[in-house]
Amino acid sequence: MNDLKTWVSAVLTDEYTCTDEFDGQKVSKAVKSTINKSVLYLAQLTSNCLALFNLLDY
Protein backbone atom coordinates (compact mmCIF):
# COMPACT_ATOMS: atom_id res chain seq x y z
CA MET A 1 0.00 0.00 0.00
CA ASN A 2 2.90 2.35 0.70
CA ASP A 3 4.15 1.94 -2.87
CA LEU A 4 0.71 2.84 -4.18
CA LYS A 5 0.61 6.00 -2.06
CA THR A 6 4.08 6.94 -3.29
CA TRP A 7 3.09 6.46 -6.92
CA VAL A 8 -0.10 8.48 -6.55
CA SER A 9 1.84 11.27 -4.83
CA ALA A 10 4.33 11.25 -7.70
CA VAL A 11 1.48 11.54 -10.20
CA LEU A 12 0.21 14.59 -8.34
CA THR A 13 3.64 16.21 -8.55
CA ASP A 14 4.06 15.33 -12.22
CA GLU A 15 0.71 16.85 -13.14
CA TYR A 16 1.92 20.28 -12.10
CA THR A 17 5.38 19.74 -13.57
CA CYS A 18 3.67 19.25 -16.92
CA THR A 19 2.10 22.72 -16.84
CA ASP A 20 5.39 24.29 -15.74
CA GLU A 21 6.81 23.42 -19.15
CA PHE A 22 4.62 26.10 -20.74
CA ASP A 23 6.57 28.89 -19.07
CA GLY A 24 8.63 30.67 -21.69
CA GLN A 25 7.00 28.81 -24.57
CA LYS A 26 4.89 30.33 -27.33
CA VAL A 27 1.57 28.71 -26.55
CA SER A 28 -1.74 30.48 -26.98
CA LYS A 29 -3.66 31.53 -23.88
CA ALA A 30 -6.59 29.38 -24.98
CA VAL A 31 -4.43 26.26 -25.14
CA LYS A 32 -2.78 27.03 -21.79
CA SER A 33 -6.17 27.63 -20.20
CA THR A 34 -7.63 24.40 -21.54
CA ILE A 35 -4.67 22.34 -20.42
CA ASN A 36 -4.48 24.04 -17.02
CA LYS A 37 -8.18 23.34 -16.40
CA SER A 38 -7.70 19.69 -17.35
CA VAL A 39 -4.63 19.32 -15.16
CA LEU A 40 -6.42 20.97 -12.24
CA TYR A 41 -9.32 18.54 -12.62
CA LEU A 42 -6.95 15.56 -12.76
CA ALA A 43 -5.01 16.88 -9.77
CA GLN A 44 -8.23 17.08 -7.76
CA LEU A 45 -9.11 13.50 -8.70
CA THR A 46 -5.61 12.33 -7.84
CA SER A 47 -5.72 14.15 -4.52
CA ASN A 48 -9.07 12.54 -3.71
CA CYS A 49 -7.64 9.11 -4.53
CA LEU A 50 -4.69 9.72 -2.25
CA ALA A 51 -7.03 10.82 0.54
CA LEU A 52 -9.08 7.63 0.13
CA PHE A 53 -5.95 5.47 0.17
CA ASN A 54 -4.89 7.17 3.39
CA LEU A 55 -8.21 6.17 4.97
CA LEU A 56 -7.65 2.49 4.22
CA ASP A 57 -6.28 0.53 7.14
CA TYR A 58 -3.55 -1.84 5.91
PDB file of N, CA and C in Angstrom:
ATOM      1  N   MET A   1       0.827  -1.188   0.000  1.00  0.00           N
ATOM      2  CA  MET A   1       0.000   0.000   0.000  1.00  0.00           C
ATOM      3  C   MET A   1       0.877   1.260   0.000  1.00  0.00           C
ATOM      4  N   ASN A   2       2.014   1.185   0.666  1.00  0.00           N
ATOM      5  CA  ASN A   2       2.898   2.354   0.697  1.00  0.00           C
ATOM      6  C   ASN A   2       3.409   2.709  -0.691  1.00  0.00           C
ATOM      7  N   ASP A   3       3.704   1.677  -1.497  1.00  0.00           N
ATOM      8  CA  ASP A   3       4.146   1.944  -2.871  1.00  0.00           C
ATOM      9  C   ASP A   3       3.061   2.656  -3.658  1.00  0.00           C
ATOM     10  N   LEU A   4       1.827   2.219  -3.476  1.00  0.00           N
ATOM     11  CA  LEU A   4       0.709   2.842  -4.184  1.00  0.00           C
ATOM     12  C   LEU A   4       0.572   4.312  -3.802  1.00  0.00           C
ATOM     13  N   LYS A   5       0.688   4.605  -2.525  1.00  0.00           N
ATOM     14  CA  LYS A   5       0.606   5.999  -2.064  1.00  0.00           C
ATOM     15  C   LYS A   5       1.749   6.829  -2.654  1.00  0.00           C
ATOM     16  N   THR A   6       2.929   6.236  -2.721  1.00  0.00           N
ATOM     17  CA  THR A   6       4.083   6.936  -3.290  1.00  0.00           C
ATOM     18  C   THR A   6       3.852   7.238  -4.761  1.00  0.00           C
ATOM     19  N   TRP A   7       3.336   6.262  -5.492  1.00  0.00           N
ATOM     20  CA  TRP A   7       3.087   6.456  -6.924  1.00  0.00           C
ATOM     21  C   TRP A   7       2.027   7.521  -7.170  1.00  0.00           C
ATOM     22  N   VAL A   8       0.961   7.490  -6.376  1.00  0.00           N
ATOM     23  CA  VAL A   8      -0.103   8.484  -6.554  1.00  0.00           C
ATOM     24  C   VAL A   8       0.419   9.875  -6.200  1.00  0.00           C
ATOM     25  N   SER A   9       1.240   9.979  -5.180  1.00  0.00           N
ATOM     26  CA  SER A   9       1.844  11.268  -4.827  1.00  0.00           C
ATOM     27  C   SER A   9       2.734  11.774  -5.959  1.00  0.00           C
ATOM     28  N   ALA A  10       3.471  10.869  -6.580  1.00  0.00           N
ATOM     29  CA  ALA A  10       4.331  11.251  -7.702  1.00  0.00           C
ATOM     30  C   ALA A  10       3.498  11.738  -8.884  1.00  0.00           C
ATOM     31  N   VAL A  11       2.372  11.101  -9.121  1.00  0.00           N
ATOM     32  CA  VAL A  11       1.476  11.538 -10.196  1.00  0.00           C
ATOM     33  C   VAL A  11       1.018  12.960  -9.935  1.00  0.00           C
ATOM     34  N   LEU A  12       0.662  13.250  -8.709  1.00  0.00           N
ATOM     35  CA  LEU A  12       0.208  14.594  -8.344  1.00  0.00           C
ATOM     36  C   LEU A  12       1.300  15.623  -8.627  1.00  0.00           C
ATOM     37  N   THR A  13       2.520  15.313  -8.276  1.00  0.00           N
ATOM     38  CA  THR A  13       3.641  16.210  -8.546  1.00  0.00           C
ATOM     39  C   THR A  13       3.860  16.382 -10.046  1.00  0.00           C
ATOM     40  N   ASP A  14       3.814  15.278 -10.778  1.00  0.00           N
ATOM     41  CA  ASP A  14       4.059  15.327 -12.221  1.00  0.00           C
ATOM     42  C   ASP A  14       2.987  16.100 -12.978  1.00  0.00           C
ATOM     43  N   GLU A  15       1.773  16.095 -12.471  1.00  0.00           N
ATOM     44  CA  GLU A  15       0.706  16.848 -13.140  1.00  0.00           C
ATOM     45  C   GLU A  15       1.059  18.331 -13.204  1.00  0.00           C
ATOM     46  N   TYR A  16       1.566  18.864 -12.119  1.00  0.00           N
ATOM     47  CA  TYR A  16       1.922  20.282 -12.098  1.00  0.00           C
ATOM     48  C   TYR A  16       3.229  20.551 -12.831  1.00  0.00           C
ATOM     49  N   THR A  17       4.133  19.591 -12.823  1.00  0.00           N
ATOM     50  CA  THR A  17       5.378  19.739 -13.568  1.00  0.00           C
ATOM     51  C   THR A  17       5.080  19.883 -15.053  1.00  0.00           C
ATOM     52  N   CYS A  18       4.064  19.188 -15.511  1.00  0.00           N
ATOM     53  CA  CYS A  18       3.666  19.252 -16.921  1.00  0.00           C
ATOM     54  C   CYS A  18       3.299  20.679 -17.313  1.00  0.00           C
ATOM     55  N   THR A  19       2.524  21.356 -16.504  1.00  0.00           N
ATOM     56  CA  THR A  19       2.102  22.719 -16.844  1.00  0.00           C
ATOM     57  C   THR A  19       3.250  23.710 -16.713  1.00  0.00           C
ATOM     58  N   ASP A  20       4.232  23.408 -15.886  1.00  0.00           N
ATOM     59  CA  ASP A  20       5.390  24.295 -15.739  1.00  0.00           C
ATOM     60  C   ASP A  20       6.171  24.417 -17.040  1.00  0.00           C
ATOM     61  N   GLU A  21       6.080  23.424 -17.882  1.00  0.00           N
ATOM     62  CA  GLU A  21       6.810  23.424 -19.154  1.00  0.00           C
ATOM     63  C   GLU A  21       6.311  24.499 -20.115  1.00  0.00           C
ATOM     64  N   PHE A  22       5.145  25.059 -19.874  1.00  0.00           N
ATOM     65  CA  PHE A  22       4.619  26.102 -20.745  1.00  0.00           C
ATOM     66  C   PHE A  22       5.295  27.450 -20.519  1.00  0.00           C
ATOM     67  N   ASP A  23       5.907  27.620 -19.359  1.00  0.00           N
ATOM     68  CA  ASP A  23       6.572  28.890 -19.072  1.00  0.00           C
ATOM     69  C   ASP A  23       7.676  29.141 -20.099  1.00  0.00           C
ATOM     70  N   GLY A  24       7.619  30.296 -20.716  1.00  0.00           N
ATOM     71  CA  GLY A  24       8.626  30.669 -21.692  1.00  0.00           C
ATOM     72  C   GLY A  24       8.392  30.111 -23.084  1.00  0.00           C
ATOM     73  N   GLN A  25       7.315  29.388 -23.265  1.00  0.00           N
ATOM     74  CA  GLN A  25       6.997  28.813 -24.573  1.00  0.00           C
ATOM     75  C   GLN A  25       5.912  29.638 -25.256  1.00  0.00           C
ATOM     76  N   LYS A  26       5.918  29.617 -26.564  1.00  0.00           N
ATOM     77  CA  LYS A  26       4.892  30.329 -27.325  1.00  0.00           C
ATOM     78  C   LYS A  26       3.683  29.415 -27.494  1.00  0.00           C
ATOM     79  N   VAL A  27       2.797  29.495 -26.530  1.00  0.00           N
ATOM     80  CA  VAL A  27       1.568  28.707 -26.552  1.00  0.00           C
ATOM     81  C   VAL A  27       0.423  29.677 -26.320  1.00  0.00           C
ATOM     82  N   SER A  28      -0.621  29.544 -27.095  1.00  0.00           N
ATOM     83  CA  SER A  28      -1.739  30.484 -26.976  1.00  0.00           C
ATOM     84  C   SER A  28      -2.386  30.389 -25.596  1.00  0.00           C
ATOM     85  N   LYS A  29      -2.984  31.495 -25.179  1.00  0.00           N
ATOM     86  CA  LYS A  29      -3.656  31.530 -23.881  1.00  0.00           C
ATOM     87  C   LYS A  29      -4.790  30.520 -23.817  1.00  0.00           C
ATOM     88  N   ALA A  30      -5.473  30.333 -24.944  1.00  0.00           N
ATOM     89  CA  ALA A  30      -6.589  29.379 -24.980  1.00  0.00           C
ATOM     90  C   ALA A  30      -6.102  27.950 -24.722  1.00  0.00           C
ATOM     91  N   VAL A  31      -4.982  27.598 -25.332  1.00  0.00           N
ATOM     92  CA  VAL A  31      -4.427  26.257 -25.136  1.00  0.00           C
ATOM     93  C   VAL A  31      -3.960  26.090 -23.697  1.00  0.00           C
ATOM     94  N   LYS A  32      -3.241  27.088 -23.183  1.00  0.00           N
ATOM     95  CA  LYS A  32      -2.782  27.033 -21.792  1.00  0.00           C
ATOM     96  C   LYS A  32      -3.955  26.891 -20.838  1.00  0.00           C
ATOM     97  N   SER A  33      -4.996  27.666 -21.068  1.00  0.00           N
ATOM     98  CA  SER A  33      -6.166  27.634 -20.201  1.00  0.00           C
ATOM     99  C   SER A  33      -6.834  26.263 -20.224  1.00  0.00           C
ATOM    100  N   THR A  34      -7.002  25.715 -21.404  1.00  0.00           N
ATOM    101  CA  THR A  34      -7.633  24.403 -21.541  1.00  0.00           C
ATOM    102  C   THR A  34      -6.826  23.324 -20.828  1.00  0.00           C
ATOM    103  N   ILE A  35      -5.531  23.342 -21.040  1.00  0.00           N
ATOM    104  CA  ILE A  35      -4.672  22.337 -20.418  1.00  0.00           C
ATOM    105  C   ILE A  35      -4.621  22.534 -18.909  1.00  0.00           C
ATOM    106  N   ASN A  36      -4.511  23.779 -18.457  1.00  0.00           N
ATOM    107  CA  ASN A  36      -4.480  24.040 -17.019  1.00  0.00           C
ATOM    108  C   ASN A  36      -5.759  23.575 -16.335  1.00  0.00           C
ATOM    109  N   LYS A  37      -6.905  23.796 -16.970  1.00  0.00           N
ATOM    110  CA  LYS A  37      -8.177  23.336 -16.397  1.00  0.00           C
ATOM    111  C   LYS A  37      -8.207  21.812 -16.308  1.00  0.00           C
ATOM    112  N   SER A  38      -7.724  21.162 -17.345  1.00  0.00           N
ATOM    113  CA  SER A  38      -7.697  19.694 -17.353  1.00  0.00           C
ATOM    114  C   SER A  38      -6.761  19.153 -16.283  1.00  0.00           C
ATOM    115  N   VAL A  39      -5.591  19.763 -16.164  1.00  0.00           N
ATOM    116  CA  VAL A  39      -4.626  19.321 -15.162  1.00  0.00           C
ATOM    117  C   VAL A  39      -5.169  19.565 -13.758  1.00  0.00           C
ATOM    118  N   LEU A  40      -5.829  20.686 -13.548  1.00  0.00           N
ATOM    119  CA  LEU A  40      -6.419  20.966 -12.239  1.00  0.00           C
ATOM    120  C   LEU A  40      -7.460  19.910 -11.886  1.00  0.00           C
ATOM    121  N   TYR A  41      -8.309  19.568 -12.847  1.00  0.00           N
ATOM    122  CA  TYR A  41      -9.324  18.542 -12.625  1.00  0.00           C
ATOM    123  C   TYR A  41      -8.666  17.203 -12.269  1.00  0.00           C
ATOM    124  N   LEU A  42      -7.651  16.816 -13.033  1.00  0.00           N
ATOM    125  CA  LEU A  42      -6.950  15.564 -12.762  1.00  0.00           C
ATOM    126  C   LEU A  42      -6.236  15.599 -11.416  1.00  0.00           C
ATOM    127  N   ALA A  43      -5.687  16.746 -11.058  1.00  0.00           N
ATOM    128  CA  ALA A  43      -5.012  16.883  -9.766  1.00  0.00           C
ATOM    129  C   ALA A  43      -6.005  16.720  -8.621  1.00  0.00           C
ATOM    130  N   GLN A  44      -7.203  17.245  -8.791  1.00  0.00           N
ATOM    131  CA  GLN A  44      -8.233  17.080  -7.761  1.00  0.00           C
ATOM    132  C   GLN A  44      -8.630  15.612  -7.622  1.00  0.00           C
ATOM    133  N   LEU A  45      -8.787  14.928  -8.744  1.00  0.00           N
ATOM    134  CA  LEU A  45      -9.110  13.497  -8.700  1.00  0.00           C
ATOM    135  C   LEU A  45      -7.988  12.702  -8.038  1.00  0.00           C
ATOM    136  N   THR A  46      -6.759  13.018  -8.407  1.00  0.00           N
ATOM    137  CA  THR A  46      -5.608  12.330  -7.836  1.00  0.00           C
ATOM    138  C   THR A  46      -5.518  12.575  -6.339  1.00  0.00           C
ATOM    139  N   SER A  47      -5.748  13.804  -5.935  1.00  0.00           N
ATOM    140  CA  SER A  47      -5.719  14.148  -4.516  1.00  0.00           C
ATOM    141  C   SER A  47      -6.804  13.395  -3.748  1.00  0.00           C
ATOM    142  N   ASN A  48      -7.981  13.291  -4.347  1.00  0.00           N
ATOM    143  CA  ASN A  48      -9.067  12.538  -3.711  1.00  0.00           C
ATOM    144  C   ASN A  48      -8.704  11.063  -3.574  1.00  0.00           C
ATOM    145  N   CYS A  49      -8.076  10.507  -4.597  1.00  0.00           N
ATOM    146  CA  CYS A  49      -7.636   9.109  -4.534  1.00  0.00           C
ATOM    147  C   CYS A  49      -6.628   8.911  -3.409  1.00  0.00           C
ATOM    148  N   LEU A  50      -5.699   9.816  -3.307  1.00  0.00           N
ATOM    149  CA  LEU A  50      -4.692   9.720  -2.253  1.00  0.00           C
ATOM    150  C   LEU A  50      -5.344   9.809  -0.878  1.00  0.00           C
ATOM    151  N   ALA A  51      -6.315  10.694  -0.733  1.00  0.00           N
ATOM    152  CA  ALA A  51      -7.029  10.818   0.544  1.00  0.00           C
ATOM    153  C   ALA A  51      -7.763   9.520   0.883  1.00  0.00           C
ATOM    154  N   LEU A  52      -8.385   8.902  -0.111  1.00  0.00           N
ATOM    155  CA  LEU A  52      -9.081   7.632   0.125  1.00  0.00           C
ATOM    156  C   LEU A  52      -8.100   6.526   0.502  1.00  0.00           C
ATOM    157  N   PHE A  53      -6.958   6.469  -0.178  1.00  0.00           N
ATOM    158  CA  PHE A  53      -5.949   5.468   0.167  1.00  0.00           C
ATOM    159  C   PHE A  53      -5.467   5.652   1.598  1.00  0.00           C
ATOM    160  N   ASN A  54      -5.353   6.899   2.027  1.00  0.00           N
ATOM    161  CA  ASN A  54      -4.894   7.171   3.389  1.00  0.00           C
ATOM    162  C   ASN A  54      -5.912   6.739   4.436  1.00  0.00           C
ATOM    163  N   LEU A  55      -7.173   6.626   4.038  1.00  0.00           N
ATOM    164  CA  LEU A  55      -8.209   6.169   4.967  1.00  0.00           C
ATOM    165  C   LEU A  55      -8.220   4.650   5.132  1.00  0.00           C
ATOM    166  N   LEU A  56      -7.674   3.945   4.149  1.00  0.00           N
ATOM    167  CA  LEU A  56      -7.646   2.487   4.219  1.00  0.00           C
ATOM    168  C   LEU A  56      -6.681   2.034   5.301  1.00  0.00           C
ATOM    169  N   ASP A  57      -7.081   1.026   6.021  1.00  0.00           N
ATOM    170  CA  ASP A  57      -6.280   0.530   7.139  1.00  0.00           C
ATOM    171  C   ASP A  57      -5.586  -0.768   6.731  1.00  0.00           C
ATOM    172  N   TYR A  58      -4.327  -0.660   6.309  1.00  0.00           N
ATOM    173  CA  TYR A  58      -3.554  -1.838   5.909  1.00  0.00           C
ATOM    174  C   TYR A  58      -2.335  -1.964   6.762  1.00  0.00           C
TER     175      TYR A  58
END
